[in-house]
Protein backbone atom coordinates (compact mmCIF):
# COMPACT_ATOMS: atom_id res chain seq x y z
CA MET A 1 -10.45 -47.73 89.71
CA SER A 2 -11.39 -48.51 86.52
CA ILE A 3 -13.34 -51.68 86.52
CA TYR A 4 -12.55 -54.34 84.02
CA LEU A 5 -14.88 -56.62 82.72
CA THR A 6 -15.00 -59.73 80.00
CA ALA A 7 -18.29 -61.09 78.58
CA ILE A 8 -18.44 -64.37 76.53
CA ILE A 9 -21.48 -65.15 74.69
CA LYS A 10 -22.27 -68.39 73.25
CA GLY A 11 -25.74 -67.80 70.88
CA LYS A 12 -27.13 -70.43 69.44
CA PRO A 13 -26.79 -70.90 65.78
CA GLU A 14 -30.44 -70.52 65.10
CA THR A 15 -29.91 -66.95 66.59
CA LYS A 16 -27.48 -65.79 65.49
CA GLU A 17 -28.36 -62.20 63.05
CA GLU A 18 -30.64 -61.30 65.61
CA LEU A 19 -27.82 -61.86 68.38
CA SER A 20 -25.65 -60.04 66.79
CA LYS A 21 -27.92 -56.85 65.37
CA ILE A 22 -28.39 -56.46 69.96
CA LEU A 23 -24.65 -57.23 70.92
CA LEU A 24 -24.00 -54.19 68.09
CA ASN A 25 -26.58 -51.84 69.73
CA MET A 26 -25.70 -53.02 73.37
CA VAL A 27 -21.83 -51.60 71.82
CA VAL A 28 -23.18 -47.91 70.30
CA GLN A 29 -25.66 -47.36 73.42
CA SER A 30 -22.62 -48.35 75.99
CA ARG A 31 -19.82 -46.12 74.92
CA LYS A 32 -22.35 -43.57 74.85
CA GLU A 33 -22.30 -43.25 78.84
CA ILE A 34 -20.20 -41.13 80.75
CA ALA A 35 -18.30 -43.82 82.88
CA CYS A 36 -17.61 -46.13 80.15
CA VAL A 37 -13.80 -46.18 78.61
CA GLN A 38 -14.30 -49.31 76.57
CA TYR A 39 -16.85 -51.25 75.06
CA ASP A 40 -15.25 -53.47 72.23
CA LEU A 41 -17.09 -56.68 70.42
CA HIS A 42 -15.08 -59.45 69.38
CA GLU A 43 -16.77 -62.59 67.59
CA ASP A 44 -15.36 -66.21 66.95
CA THR A 45 -17.64 -67.27 64.23
CA SER A 46 -16.41 -70.26 64.33
CA ARG A 47 -18.27 -71.40 67.76
CA ASN A 48 -20.97 -68.42 67.73
CA LEU A 49 -19.34 -67.05 70.60
CA PHE A 50 -18.79 -63.38 71.13
CA ILE A 51 -16.07 -61.19 73.79
CA PHE A 52 -17.37 -58.09 75.26
CA HIS A 53 -13.78 -56.18 76.71
CA GLU A 54 -14.94 -53.67 79.14
CA GLU A 55 -14.59 -51.00 80.72
CA TRP A 56 -15.39 -48.28 83.33
CA THR A 57 -14.24 -45.49 85.22
CA ASP A 58 -16.10 -46.98 88.70
CA GLU A 59 -18.91 -49.10 90.55
CA ALA A 60 -21.58 -45.81 89.86
CA GLY A 61 -20.83 -46.05 86.35
CA LEU A 62 -21.10 -49.99 85.52
CA ASP A 63 -24.44 -49.95 88.18
CA PHE A 64 -25.83 -47.14 85.92
CA HIS A 65 -24.99 -49.50 82.79
CA ASN A 66 -26.36 -52.69 84.35
CA GLN A 67 -29.95 -50.56 84.93
CA GLN A 68 -29.98 -49.45 81.05
CA GLU A 69 -33.07 -50.70 78.90
CA TYR A 70 -30.77 -52.22 76.33
CA LEU A 71 -29.41 -54.35 78.52
CA LEU A 72 -32.21 -55.38 80.39
CA ASP A 73 -33.69 -56.29 77.08
CA PHE A 74 -31.17 -58.24 76.37
CA VAL A 75 -30.91 -60.09 79.58
CA ALA A 76 -34.75 -60.56 78.87
CA LYS A 77 -34.14 -62.13 75.94
CA SER A 78 -30.95 -64.31 76.48
CA SER A 79 -32.29 -67.38 77.15
CA GLU A 80 -33.89 -66.95 73.82
CA LEU A 81 -30.47 -66.20 72.15
CA THR A 82 -27.24 -67.62 74.29
CA THR A 83 -26.75 -71.11 75.28
CA ASP A 84 -23.86 -69.58 77.93
CA ILE A 85 -22.99 -66.64 79.45
CA VAL A 86 -19.82 -66.12 81.46
CA ILE A 87 -18.61 -63.00 82.99
CA HIS A 88 -15.43 -62.15 84.69
CA GLN A 89 -14.53 -59.02 86.63
CA THR A 90 -10.79 -59.14 86.13
CA ASN A 91 -7.60 -56.69 87.55
CA LYS A 92 -5.24 -55.10 85.42
CA ILE A 93 -2.05 -56.20 86.99
CA ALA A 94 0.06 -55.43 83.87
């Protein structure tokens, strides 16, 4: 059963370029993972907001993803680059 995530990241205005570069690299790297079905990044430029729409094949694949160096690097830098991160795990109903 697939796992669906929506991650909403509010960037600091002064870090927009660096944050965008890191998030785009996360897309490239995540899409290489076997358990990754979907890993799309959207941007609301008027609010410096980035939104990931993700689908993973299973919990083991998501756990593997969450331990990757590129993701851990983002987490370590996130307090410098962002003002808020909200992650929703949902069930697809239609």
